[in-house]
């Protein structure tokens, strides 16, 4: 399904102040691991943010918990951290408990004796939801976060009520699609060869995209600044590990009995939109939403559309569907 859109508004002073206040509260954390959550109010919002660290496999995973109600856990991409969801948490936190976190290696999470490897992301998420005593969750994954959330869903289907995969196929092996889908993906990749390098050459973050930089340069700048918070992390090495771990046969998605929504930006320069379509065909009952005039980061560039799509999807699947694991 193609979703119509208009231009997104400029970031307001109120939104920027809110983000800055959250950033300040998030980054000014003690050097030792936290055994107890800390709470501080968000400027302009009476809700409290509880924050802390959970330890797993040589890492201290930073998280924030906002709101009340059923839980949504948001997993960011390579260019982000927990702050990436600043336009989602205020929207959903009046009805849901919103949990955001920084993957291992991404500030303010810390590595103590472990490594930064996508193979450990699933275990980190399990440690987080166990720490927060969340028996069932809804998951929203962006790009790299798809490795985390898809693997978790396949391993722990009874704990996932619904899954959103935005601009991601997770660890699915793109060579394992059928011939027609594989040809579509390869044709897209050939047509967009060099697109990311061209954007970088012009100082545009590829995950933000040319349209965001042109229509809303402040938004694109903010995206780059959030990315820079983890400047000490070798993201190219992590990207290579992620690509090398794409060994999950596409046919395995036919086993999923969890409701899944795939969201794709039609101007994505990183993740092939034809791959989202191929994935959606495999998952029983899955939905696909294609958003025009949006790049790789629909959640950031078109938050009103993204939030509405996700909200409607969650409301449609309030209960566990028939035939799913009990």
C-alpha atoms as a PDB file:
ATOM      1  CA  UNK A   1       0.000   0.000   0.000  1.00  0.00           C
ATOM      2  CA  UNK A   2       1.261   3.477  -0.851  1.00  0.00           C
ATOM      3  CA  UNK A   3       0.652   6.154   1.751  1.00  0.00           C
ATOM      4  CA  UNK A   4       0.114   9.720   0.585  1.00  0.00           C
ATOM      5  CA  UNK A   5       2.011  12.485   2.321  1.00  0.00           C
ATOM      6  CA  UNK A   6       2.560  16.193   2.367  1.00  0.00           C
ATOM      7  CA  UNK A   7       5.664  18.069   3.477  1.00  0.00           C
ATOM      8  CA  UNK A   8       6.569  17.643   7.129  1.00  0.00           C
ATOM      9  CA  UNK A   9       6.817  20.833   9.226  1.00  0.00           C
ATOM     10  CA  UNK A  10      10.068  22.324  10.454  1.00  0.00           C
ATOM     11  CA  UNK A  11      11.177  21.261  13.915  1.00  0.00           C
ATOM     12  CA  UNK A  12       9.555  23.618  16.398  1.00  0.00           C
ATOM     13  CA  UNK A  13      11.406  25.394  19.169  1.00  0.00           C
ATOM     14  CA  UNK A  14       9.328  23.433  21.695  1.00  0.00           C
ATOM     15  CA  UNK A  15      10.304  20.104  20.115  1.00  0.00           C
ATOM     16  CA  UNK A  16      13.975  21.080  19.993  1.00  0.00           C
ATOM     17  CA  UNK A  17      13.909  22.222  23.624  1.00  0.00           C
ATOM     18  CA  UNK A  18      12.277  18.941  24.615  1.00  0.00           C
ATOM     19  CA  UNK A  19      14.903  16.942  22.757  1.00  0.00           C
ATOM     20  CA  UNK A  20      17.749  18.978  24.222  1.00  0.00           C
ATOM     21  CA  UNK A  21      16.441  18.493  27.744  1.00  0.00           C
ATOM     22  CA  UNK A  22      16.101  14.743  27.252  1.00  0.00           C
ATOM     23  CA  UNK A  23      19.593  14.587  25.758  1.00  0.00           C
ATOM     24  CA  UNK A  24      21.081  16.443  28.694  1.00  0.00           C
ATOM     25  CA  UNK A  25      19.369  14.187  31.200  1.00  0.00           C
ATOM     26  CA  UNK A  26      20.368  11.070  29.287  1.00  0.00           C
ATOM     27  CA  UNK A  27      24.029  11.829  28.818  1.00  0.00           C
ATOM     28  CA  UNK A  28      24.792  13.141  32.293  1.00  0.00           C
ATOM     29  CA  UNK A  29      24.894   9.681  33.856  1.00  0.00           C
ATOM     30  CA  UNK A  30      27.241   8.249  36.482  1.00  0.00           C
ATOM     31  CA  UNK A  31      30.251   6.248  35.357  1.00  0.00           C
ATOM     32  CA  UNK A  32      29.202   3.095  37.225  1.00  0.00           C
ATOM     33  CA  UNK A  33      26.386   0.745  36.281  1.00  0.00           C
ATOM     34  CA  UNK A  34      22.993   1.701  37.720  1.00  0.00           C
ATOM     35  CA  UNK A  35      21.166  -0.834  39.844  1.00  0.00           C
ATOM     36  CA  UNK A  36      18.173   1.453  40.311  1.00  0.00           C
ATOM     37  CA  UNK A  37      16.232   3.590  37.871  1.00  0.00           C
ATOM     38  CA  UNK A  38      16.435   7.343  38.079  1.00  0.00           C
ATOM     39  CA  UNK A  39      13.515   9.621  37.263  1.00  0.00           C
ATOM     40  CA  UNK A  40      13.459  13.172  35.943  1.00  0.00           C
ATOM     41  CA  UNK A  41      10.652  15.210  34.341  1.00  0.00           C
ATOM     42  CA  UNK A  42      10.712  16.080  30.650  1.00  0.00           C
ATOM     43  CA  UNK A  43      10.402  19.821  30.019  1.00  0.00           C
ATOM     44  CA  UNK A  44       6.828  20.656  29.040  1.00  0.00           C
ATOM     45  CA  UNK A  45       5.583  17.139  29.816  1.00  0.00           C
ATOM     46  CA  UNK A  46       4.318  16.021  33.231  1.00  0.00           C
ATOM     47  CA  UNK A  47       5.279  12.396  32.536  1.00  0.00           C
ATOM     48  CA  UNK A  48       8.436  11.094  34.162  1.00  0.00           C
ATOM     49  CA  UNK A  49      11.282   9.349  32.387  1.00  0.00           C
ATOM     50  CA  UNK A  50      12.813   6.439  34.264  1.00  0.00           C
ATOM     51  CA  UNK A  51      16.320   5.609  33.096  1.00  0.00           C
ATOM     52  CA  UNK A  52      19.016   3.124  33.981  1.00  0.00           C
ATOM     53  CA  UNK A  53      21.414   0.487  32.750  1.00  0.00           C
ATOM     54  CA  UNK A  54      21.051  -3.257  32.415  1.00  0.00           C
ATOM     55  CA  UNK A  55      24.162  -5.442  32.273  1.00  0.00           C
ATOM     56  CA  UNK A  56      24.590  -8.226  29.735  1.00  0.00           C
ATOM     57  CA  UNK A  57      27.562  -9.992  28.124  1.00  0.00           C
ATOM     58  CA  UNK A  58      30.154  -7.364  28.966  1.00  0.00           C
ATOM     59  CA  UNK A  59      27.994  -4.343  28.219  1.00  0.00           C
ATOM     60  CA  UNK A  60      25.868  -1.875  30.131  1.00  0.00           C
ATOM     61  CA  UNK A  61      22.780  -1.126  28.049  1.00  0.00           C
ATOM     62  CA  UNK A  62      21.262   2.299  28.685  1.00  0.00           C
ATOM     63  CA  UNK A  63      17.474   2.576  28.542  1.00  0.00           C
ATOM     64  CA  UNK A  64      14.645   5.004  29.217  1.00  0.00           C
ATOM     65  CA  UNK A  65      11.069   4.149  30.136  1.00  0.00           C
ATOM     66  CA  UNK A  66       8.252   6.672  29.644  1.00  0.00           C
ATOM     67  CA  UNK A  67       4.476   6.476  30.016  1.00  0.00           C
ATOM     68  CA  UNK A  68       2.219   3.666  31.159  1.00  0.00           C
ATOM     69  CA  UNK A  69       0.212   0.868  29.664  1.00  0.00           C
ATOM     70  CA  UNK A  70       1.196  -1.961  27.309  1.00  0.00           C
ATOM     71  CA  UNK A  71       4.886  -1.865  26.398  1.00  0.00           C
ATOM     72  CA  UNK A  72       6.488  -0.793  23.123  1.00  0.00           C
ATOM     73  CA  UNK A  73      10.236  -1.272  22.746  1.00  0.00           C
ATOM     74  CA  UNK A  74      11.947   0.831  20.061  1.00  0.00           C
ATOM     75  CA  UNK A  75      15.222  -0.407  18.505  1.00  0.00           C
ATOM     76  CA  UNK A  76      17.241   2.248  16.648  1.00  0.00           C
ATOM     77  CA  UNK A  77      19.412   2.006  13.544  1.00  0.00           C
ATOM     78  CA  UNK A  78      23.128   2.455  12.910  1.00  0.00           C
ATOM     79  CA  UNK A  79      22.839   6.246  12.796  1.00  0.00           C
ATOM     80  CA  UNK A  80      20.985   6.645  16.065  1.00  0.00           C
ATOM     81  CA  UNK A  81      20.558   5.827  19.719  1.00  0.00           C
ATOM     82  CA  UNK A  82      17.663   6.052  22.177  1.00  0.00           C
ATOM     83  CA  UNK A  83      17.161   9.734  21.260  1.00  0.00           C
ATOM     84  CA  UNK A  84      16.226   8.805  17.708  1.00  0.00           C
ATOM     85  CA  UNK A  85      12.660   8.188  18.890  1.00  0.00           C
ATOM     86  CA  UNK A  86      12.057  11.710  20.226  1.00  0.00           C
ATOM     87  CA  UNK A  87       9.062  12.117  17.900  1.00  0.00           C
ATOM     88  CA  UNK A  88       7.549   8.742  18.816  1.00  0.00           C
ATOM     89  CA  UNK A  89       7.768   8.693  22.617  1.00  0.00           C
ATOM     90  CA  UNK A  90       5.596  11.810  23.199  1.00  0.00           C
ATOM     91  CA  UNK A  91       3.023  10.431  20.760  1.00  0.00           C
ATOM     92  CA  UNK A  92       2.739   6.917  22.204  1.00  0.00           C
ATOM     93  CA  UNK A  93       3.516   7.439  25.903  1.00  0.00           C
ATOM     94  CA  UNK A  94      -0.014   8.569  26.801  1.00  0.00           C
ATOM     95  CA  UNK A  95      -1.272   5.058  25.934  1.00  0.00           C
ATOM     96  CA  UNK A  96       1.794   2.828  26.106  1.00  0.00           C
ATOM     97  CA  UNK A  97       4.901   2.286  28.171  1.00  0.00           C
ATOM     98  CA  UNK A  98       7.625   3.388  25.749  1.00  0.00           C
ATOM     99  CA  UNK A  99      11.043   1.810  26.187  1.00  0.00           C
ATOM    100  CA  UNK A 100      13.955   3.219  24.212  1.00  0.00           C
ATOM    101  CA  UNK A 101      17.532   2.033  24.537  1.00  0.00           C
ATOM    102  CA  UNK A 102      20.975   2.454  23.025  1.00  0.00           C
ATOM    103  CA  UNK A 103      22.427  -0.678  21.458  1.00  0.00           C
ATOM    104  CA  UNK A 104      25.758  -1.810  22.900  1.00  0.00           C
ATOM    105  CA  UNK A 105      28.539   0.488  21.747  1.00  0.00           C
ATOM    106  CA  UNK A 106      26.122   3.370  21.123  1.00  0.00           C
ATOM    107  CA  UNK A 107      26.304   6.237  23.630  1.00  0.00           C
ATOM    108  CA  UNK A 108      25.406   6.288  26.465  1.00  0.00           C
ATOM    109  CA  UNK A 109      25.556   2.471  26.614  1.00  0.00           C
ATOM    110  CA  UNK A 110      28.987   1.204  27.604  1.00  0.00           C
ATOM    111  CA  UNK A 111      31.209  -1.742  26.792  1.00  0.00           C
ATOM    112  CA  UNK A 112      32.958  -3.185  29.846  1.00  0.00           C
ATOM    113  CA  UNK A 113      34.512  -6.426  28.633  1.00  0.00           C
ATOM    114  CA  UNK A 114      32.444  -7.542  25.685  1.00  0.00           C
ATOM    115  CA  UNK A 115      32.339  -6.580  22.019  1.00  0.00           C
ATOM    116  CA  UNK A 116      30.032  -4.698  19.659  1.00  0.00           C
ATOM    117  CA  UNK A 117      28.536  -7.480  17.586  1.00  0.00           C
ATOM    118  CA  UNK A 118      25.017  -7.781  16.132  1.00  0.00           C
ATOM    119  CA  UNK A 119      25.014 -11.404  17.321  1.00  0.00           C
ATOM    120  CA  UNK A 120      24.706 -10.033  20.885  1.00  0.00           C
ATOM    121  CA  UNK A 121      21.835  -7.619  20.215  1.00  0.00           C
ATOM    122  CA  UNK A 122      19.093 -10.208  20.729  1.00  0.00           C
ATOM    123  CA  UNK A 123      20.503 -11.177  24.128  1.00  0.00           C
ATOM    124  CA  UNK A 124      20.734  -7.529  25.138  1.00  0.00           C
ATOM    125  CA  UNK A 125      17.060  -7.029  24.310  1.00  0.00           C
ATOM    126  CA  UNK A 126      16.117 -10.129  26.282  1.00  0.00           C
ATOM    127  CA  UNK A 127      18.096  -8.862  29.272  1.00  0.00           C
ATOM    128  CA  UNK A 128      16.334  -5.500  28.998  1.00  0.00           C
ATOM    129  CA  UNK A 129      12.760  -6.813  28.850  1.00  0.00           C
ATOM    130  CA  UNK A 130      13.508  -9.264  31.662  1.00  0.00           C
ATOM    131  CA  UNK A 131      14.977  -6.456  33.771  1.00  0.00           C
ATOM    132  CA  UNK A 132      11.837  -4.387  33.213  1.00  0.00           C
ATOM    133  CA  UNK A 133       9.633  -7.436  33.867  1.00  0.00           C
ATOM    134  CA  UNK A 134       7.863  -7.108  30.523  1.00  0.00           C
ATOM    135  CA  UNK A 135       6.216 -10.427  29.745  1.00  0.00           C
ATOM    136  CA  UNK A 136       4.841  -9.227  26.387  1.00  0.00           C
ATOM    137  CA  UNK A 137       6.010  -6.395  24.168  1.00  0.00           C
ATOM    138  CA  UNK A 138       5.361  -4.693  20.874  1.00  0.00           C
ATOM    139  CA  UNK A 139       8.572  -4.077  18.943  1.00  0.00           C
ATOM    140  CA  UNK A 140       9.434  -1.249  16.557  1.00  0.00           C
ATOM    141  CA  UNK A 141      12.679  -1.781  14.647  1.00  0.00           C
ATOM    142  CA  UNK A 142      14.480   0.703  12.410  1.00  0.00           C
ATOM    143  CA  UNK A 143      17.181  -0.544  10.020  1.00  0.00           C
ATOM    144  CA  UNK A 144      19.915  -2.129  12.200  1.00  0.00           C
ATOM    145  CA  UNK A 145      17.303  -2.617  14.911  1.00  0.00           C
ATOM    146  CA  UNK A 146      15.729  -5.197  12.627  1.00  0.00           C
ATOM    147  CA  UNK A 147      18.546  -7.619  13.467  1.00  0.00           C
ATOM    148  CA  UNK A 148      17.667  -7.203  17.150  1.00  0.00           C
ATOM    149  CA  UNK A 149      13.904  -7.442  16.897  1.00  0.00           C
ATOM    150  CA  UNK A 150      13.446 -10.069  14.201  1.00  0.00           C
ATOM    151  CA  UNK A 151      15.879 -12.458  15.897  1.00  0.00           C
ATOM    152  CA  UNK A 152      14.164 -11.836  19.236  1.00  0.00           C
ATOM    153  CA  UNK A 153      10.732 -12.472  17.715  1.00  0.00           C
ATOM    154  CA  UNK A 154      11.828 -15.732  16.103  1.00  0.00           C
ATOM    155  CA  UNK A 155      13.396 -16.922  19.364  1.00  0.00           C
ATOM    156  CA  UNK A 156      10.684 -15.666  21.744  1.00  0.00           C
ATOM    157  CA  UNK A 157       7.403 -15.526  19.782  1.00  0.00           C
ATOM    158  CA  UNK A 158       5.261 -15.814  22.915  1.00  0.00           C
ATOM    159  CA  UNK A 159       6.647 -12.528  24.204  1.00  0.00           C
ATOM    160  CA  UNK A 160       5.973 -10.440  21.075  1.00  0.00           C
ATOM    161  CA  UNK A 161       2.467  -9.175  20.394  1.00  0.00           C
ATOM    162  CA  UNK A 162       3.350  -7.298  17.193  1.00  0.00           C
ATOM    163  CA  UNK A 163       6.448  -6.344  15.217  1.00  0.00           C
ATOM    164  CA  UNK A 164       7.179  -3.301  13.040  1.00  0.00           C
ATOM    165  CA  UNK A 165      10.097  -3.621  10.616  1.00  0.00           C
ATOM    166  CA  UNK A 166      10.962  -0.186   9.204  1.00  0.00           C
ATOM    167  CA  UNK A 167      13.479  -0.053   6.339  1.00  0.00           C
ATOM    168  CA  UNK A 168      14.960  -3.379   7.338  1.00  0.00           C
ATOM    169  CA  UNK A 169      15.082  -7.069   6.618  1.00  0.00           C
ATOM    170  CA  UNK A 170      17.194  -7.830   9.656  1.00  0.00           C
ATOM    171  CA  UNK A 171      19.483 -10.815   9.210  1.00  0.00           C
ATOM    172  CA  UNK A 172      17.507 -12.290   6.296  1.00  0.00           C
ATOM    173  CA  UNK A 173      19.795 -13.462   3.498  1.00  0.00           C
ATOM    174  CA  UNK A 174      18.801 -11.478   0.374  1.00  0.00           C
ATOM    175  CA  UNK A 175      20.107 -14.313  -1.814  1.00  0.00           C
ATOM    176  CA  UNK A 176      17.501 -16.679  -0.364  1.00  0.00           C
ATOM    177  CA  UNK A 177      14.486 -14.964  -1.957  1.00  0.00           C
ATOM    178  CA  UNK A 178      12.875 -16.548  -4.995  1.00  0.00           C
ATOM    179  CA  UNK A 179      14.288 -15.647  -8.403  1.00  0.00           C
ATOM    180  CA  UNK A 180      11.760 -12.916  -9.246  1.00  0.00           C
ATOM    181  CA  UNK A 181      12.173 -11.060  -5.944  1.00  0.00           C
ATOM    182  CA  UNK A 182      15.926 -11.491  -6.039  1.00  0.00           C
ATOM    183  CA  UNK A 183      16.000  -9.972  -9.517  1.00  0.00           C
ATOM    184  CA  UNK A 184      13.929  -6.983  -8.365  1.00  0.00           C
ATOM    185  CA  UNK A 185      16.255  -6.363  -5.429  1.00  0.00           C
ATOM    186  CA  UNK A 186      19.381  -6.692  -7.547  1.00  0.00           C
ATOM    187  CA  UNK A 187      17.959  -4.355 -10.200  1.00  0.00           C
ATOM    188  CA  UNK A 188      17.208  -1.734  -7.544  1.00  0.00           C
ATOM    189  CA  UNK A 189      20.711  -2.100  -6.089  1.00  0.00           C
ATOM    190  CA  UNK A 190      22.299  -1.675  -9.516  1.00  0.00           C
ATOM    191  CA  UNK A 191      20.204   1.416 -10.240  1.00  0.00           C
ATOM    192  CA  UNK A 192      21.196   2.990  -6.905  1.00  0.00           C
ATOM    193  CA  UNK A 193      24.868   2.046  -6.929  1.00  0.00           C
ATOM    194  CA  UNK A 194      26.926   4.972  -5.678  1.00  0.00           C
ATOM    195  CA  UNK A 195      23.937   6.841  -4.232  1.00  0.00           C
ATOM    196  CA  UNK A 196      25.192   6.666  -0.653  1.00  0.00           C
ATOM    197  CA  UNK A 197      28.693   7.772  -1.617  1.00  0.00           C
ATOM    198  CA  UNK A 198      27.253  10.704  -3.539  1.00  0.00           C
ATOM    199  CA  UNK A 199      25.186  11.840  -0.552  1.00  0.00           C
ATOM    200  CA  UNK A 200      28.195  11.599   1.762  1.00  0.00           C
ATOM    201  CA  UNK A 201      30.298  13.588  -0.697  1.00  0.00           C
ATOM    202  CA  UNK A 202      27.720  16.385  -0.502  1.00  0.00           C
ATOM    203  CA  UNK A 203      27.623  16.286   3.299  1.00  0.00           C
ATOM    204  CA  UNK A 204      24.216  14.598   3.527  1.00  0.00           C
ATOM    205  CA  UNK A 205      23.646  11.679   5.854  1.00  0.00           C
ATOM    206  CA  UNK A 206      22.457   8.801   3.617  1.00  0.00           C
ATOM    207  CA  UNK A 207      19.974   7.592   6.234  1.00  0.00           C
ATOM    208  CA  UNK A 208      18.430  11.062   6.305  1.00  0.00           C
ATOM    209  CA  UNK A 209      18.382  11.490   2.544  1.00  0.00           C
ATOM    210  CA  UNK A 210      18.493  14.261   0.000  1.00  0.00           C
ATOM    211  CA  UNK A 211      14.870  15.335   0.412  1.00  0.00           C
ATOM    212  CA  UNK A 212      15.223  15.799   4.164  1.00  0.00           C
ATOM    213  CA  UNK A 213      18.379  17.857   3.657  1.00  0.00           C
ATOM    214  CA  UNK A 214      16.644  20.011   1.044  1.00  0.00           C
ATOM    215  CA  UNK A 215      13.240  20.462   2.675  1.00  0.00           C
ATOM    216  CA  UNK A 216      14.266  20.488   6.326  1.00  0.00           C
ATOM    217  CA  UNK A 217      18.005  21.100   6.815  1.00  0.00           C
ATOM    218  CA  UNK A 218      17.565  21.506  10.584  1.00  0.00           C
ATOM    219  CA  UNK A 219      16.054  18.034  10.764  1.00  0.00           C
ATOM    220  CA  UNK A 220      18.907  16.535   8.748  1.00  0.00           C
ATOM    221  CA  UNK A 221      21.434  18.361  10.952  1.00  0.00           C
ATOM    222  CA  UNK A 222      19.781  16.943  14.055  1.00  0.00           C
ATOM    223  CA  UNK A 223      19.964  13.448  12.553  1.00  0.00           C
ATOM    224  CA  UNK A 224      23.712  13.857  11.981  1.00  0.00           C
ATOM    225  CA  UNK A 225      24.238  15.204  15.492  1.00  0.00           C
ATOM    226  CA  UNK A 226      22.480  12.222  17.092  1.00  0.00           C
ATOM    227  CA  UNK A 227      24.707   9.992  14.966  1.00  0.00           C
ATOM    228  CA  UNK A 228      27.792  11.842  16.242  1.00  0.00           C
ATOM    229  CA  UNK A 229      26.936  11.011  19.873  1.00  0.00           C
ATOM    230  CA  UNK A 230      28.477   7.586  19.207  1.00  0.00           C
ATOM    231  CA  UNK A 231      31.454   8.988  17.324  1.00  0.00           C
ATOM    232  CA  UNK A 232      33.876   6.612  19.085  1.00  0.00           C
ATOM    233  CA  UNK A 233      32.173   3.541  17.627  1.00  0.00           C
ATOM    234  CA  UNK A 234      33.584   2.029  14.419  1.00  0.00           C
ATOM    235  CA  UNK A 235      30.283   1.890  12.590  1.00  0.00           C
ATOM    236  CA  UNK A 236      31.738   0.673   9.326  1.00  0.00           C
ATOM    237  CA  UNK A 237      33.146  -2.370  11.112  1.00  0.00           C
ATOM    238  CA  UNK A 238      29.768  -2.936  12.757  1.00  0.00           C
ATOM    239  CA  UNK A 239      28.008  -2.550   9.413  1.00  0.00           C
ATOM    240  CA  UNK A 240      30.327  -5.187   7.927  1.00  0.00           C
ATOM    241  CA  UNK A 241      29.539  -7.583  10.781  1.00  0.00           C
ATOM    242  CA  UNK A 242      25.834  -6.996  10.226  1.00  0.00           C
ATOM    243  CA  UNK A 243      26.077  -7.694   6.511  1.00  0.00           C
ATOM    244  CA  UNK A 244      28.113 -10.837   7.158  1.00  0.00           C
ATOM    245  CA  UNK A 245      25.458 -12.086   9.588  1.00  0.00           C
ATOM    246  CA  UNK A 246      22.694 -12.008   6.962  1.00  0.00           C
ATOM    247  CA  UNK A 247      22.372 -15.774   6.870  1.00  0.00           C
ATOM    248  CA  UNK A 248      18.738 -16.278   7.909  1.00  0.00           C
ATOM    249  CA  UNK A 249      16.832 -18.087   5.124  1.00  0.00           C
ATOM    250  CA  UNK A 250      13.948 -15.972   3.886  1.00  0.00           C
ATOM    251  CA  UNK A 251      11.666 -19.011   4.090  1.00  0.00           C
ATOM    252  CA  UNK A 252      12.040 -18.956   7.899  1.00  0.00           C
ATOM    253  CA  UNK A 253       9.742 -15.929   7.972  1.00  0.00           C
ATOM    254  CA  UNK A 254       6.865 -18.186   6.967  1.00  0.00           C
ATOM    255  CA  UNK A 255       7.007 -19.533  10.521  1.00  0.00           C
ATOM    256  CA  UNK A 256       6.152 -16.166  12.053  1.00  0.00           C
ATOM    257  CA  UNK A 257       2.705 -16.130  13.658  1.00  0.00           C
ATOM    258  CA  UNK A 258       3.188 -12.634  15.060  1.00  0.00           C
ATOM    259  CA  UNK A 259       1.514  -9.684  13.286  1.00  0.00           C
ATOM    260  CA  UNK A 260       4.188  -7.854  11.268  1.00  0.00           C
ATOM    261  CA  UNK A 261       4.107  -4.457   9.569  1.00  0.00           C
ATOM    262  CA  UNK A 262       6.807  -3.513   7.072  1.00  0.00           C
ATOM    263  CA  UNK A 263       7.325   0.210   6.421  1.00  0.00           C
ATOM    264  CA  UNK A 264       9.417   1.407   3.504  1.00  0.00           C
ATOM    265  CA  UNK A 265      10.388   4.863   2.259  1.00  0.00           C
ATOM    266  CA  UNK A 266      10.057   4.995  -1.507  1.00  0.00           C
ATOM    267  CA  UNK A 267      13.132   7.259  -1.785  1.00  0.00           C
ATOM    268  CA  UNK A 268      15.313   5.050   0.428  1.00  0.00           C
ATOM    269  CA  UNK A 269      18.939   5.097  -0.745  1.00  0.00           C
ATOM    270  CA  UNK A 270      20.056   2.319   1.640  1.00  0.00           C
ATOM    271  CA  UNK A 271      17.437  -0.419   1.983  1.00  0.00           C
ATOM    272  CA  UNK A 272      15.778  -1.669  -1.226  1.00  0.00           C
ATOM    273  CA  UNK A 273      11.997  -1.102  -1.121  1.00  0.00           C
ATOM    274  CA  UNK A 274      11.556  -4.248  -3.272  1.00  0.00           C
ATOM    275  CA  UNK A 275      13.087  -6.216  -0.403  1.00  0.00           C
ATOM    276  CA  UNK A 276      10.381  -4.962   1.969  1.00  0.00           C
ATOM    277  CA  UNK A 277       7.763  -6.158  -0.513  1.00  0.00           C
ATOM    278  CA  UNK A 278       9.451  -9.562  -0.799  1.00  0.00           C
ATOM    279  CA  UNK A 279       9.588  -9.925   2.983  1.00  0.00           C
ATOM    280  CA  UNK A 280       5.931  -8.961   3.415  1.00  0.00           C
ATOM    281  CA  UNK A 281       4.892 -11.707   0.995  1.00  0.00           C
ATOM    282  CA  UNK A 282       6.577 -14.331   3.151  1.00  0.00           C
ATOM    283  CA  UNK A 283       5.152 -13.492   6.577  1.00  0.00           C
ATOM    284  CA  UNK A 284       1.587 -14.794   7.041  1.00  0.00           C
ATOM    285  CA  UNK A 285      -0.817 -11.852   7.203  1.00  0.00           C
ATOM    286  CA  UNK A 286       1.936  -9.220   7.072  1.00  0.00           C
ATOM    287  CA  UNK A 287       1.182  -5.673   5.938  1.00  0.00           C
ATOM    288  CA  UNK A 288       3.354  -3.369   3.822  1.00  0.00           C
ATOM    289  CA  UNK A 289       3.162   0.408   3.854  1.00  0.00           C
ATOM    290  CA  UNK A 290       5.209   2.307   1.245  1.00  0.00           C
ATOM    291  CA  UNK A 291       5.634   6.011   2.014  1.00  0.00           C
ATOM    292  CA  UNK A 292       6.417   8.353  -0.906  1.00  0.00           C
ATOM    293  CA  UNK A 293       8.665  11.407  -0.500  1.00  0.00           C
ATOM    294  CA  UNK A 294      10.462   9.622   2.330  1.00  0.00           C
ATOM    295  CA  UNK A 295      13.933   8.129   2.556  1.00  0.00           C
ATOM    296  CA  UNK A 296      15.481   5.511   4.814  1.00  0.00           C
ATOM    297  CA  UNK A 297      14.255   7.077   8.077  1.00  0.00           C
ATOM    298  CA  UNK A 298      10.492   7.455   7.709  1.00  0.00           C
ATOM    299  CA  UNK A 299      10.089   7.611  11.497  1.00  0.00           C
ATOM    300  CA  UNK A 300      12.342  10.695  11.632  1.00  0.00           C
ATOM    301  CA  UNK A 301      11.385  12.411   8.367  1.00  0.00           C
ATOM    302  CA  UNK A 302       7.618  11.770   8.338  1.00  0.00           C
ATOM    303  CA  UNK A 303       6.784  11.177  12.012  1.00  0.00           C
ATOM    304  CA  UNK A 304       3.084  11.991  11.690  1.00  0.00           C
ATOM    305  CA  UNK A 305       2.628   9.329   9.029  1.00  0.00           C
ATOM    306  CA  UNK A 306       4.885   6.811  10.745  1.00  0.00           C
ATOM    307  CA  UNK A 307       3.191   7.239  14.117  1.00  0.00           C
ATOM    308  CA  UNK A 308      -0.265   6.911  12.615  1.00  0.00           C
ATOM    309  CA  UNK A 309       0.656   3.762  10.670  1.00  0.00           C
ATOM    310  CA  UNK A 310       2.177   2.110  13.739  1.00  0.00           C
ATOM    311  CA  UNK A 311      -0.653   3.196  16.029  1.00  0.00           C
ATOM    312  CA  UNK A 312      -3.324   1.856  13.684  1.00  0.00           C
ATOM    313  CA  UNK A 313      -1.398  -1.390  13.303  1.00  0.00           C
ATOM    314  CA  UNK A 314      -1.109  -1.893  17.056  1.00  0.00           C
ATOM    315  CA  UNK A 315      -4.783  -1.064  17.589  1.00  0.00           C
ATOM    316  CA  UNK A 316      -5.761  -3.602  14.937  1.00  0.00           C
ATOM    317  CA  UNK A 317      -3.802  -6.288  16.765  1.00  0.00           C
ATOM    318  CA  UNK A 318      -4.679  -5.562  20.379  1.00  0.00           C
ATOM    319  CA  UNK A 319      -5.158  -9.273  21.030  1.00  0.00           C
ATOM    320  CA  UNK A 320      -3.011 -12.188  19.931  1.00  0.00           C
ATOM    321  CA  UNK A 321      -4.307 -13.500  16.587  1.00  0.00           C
ATOM    322  CA  UNK A 322      -5.814 -16.945  16.263  1.00  0.00           C
ATOM    323  CA  UNK A 323      -3.258 -19.630  15.502  1.00  0.00           C
ATOM    324  CA  UNK A 324      -0.373 -17.817  17.184  1.00  0.00           C
ATOM    325  CA  UNK A 325       1.657 -19.393  20.015  1.00  0.00           C
ATOM    326  CA  UNK A 326      -0.108 -19.255  23.346  1.00  0.00           C
END
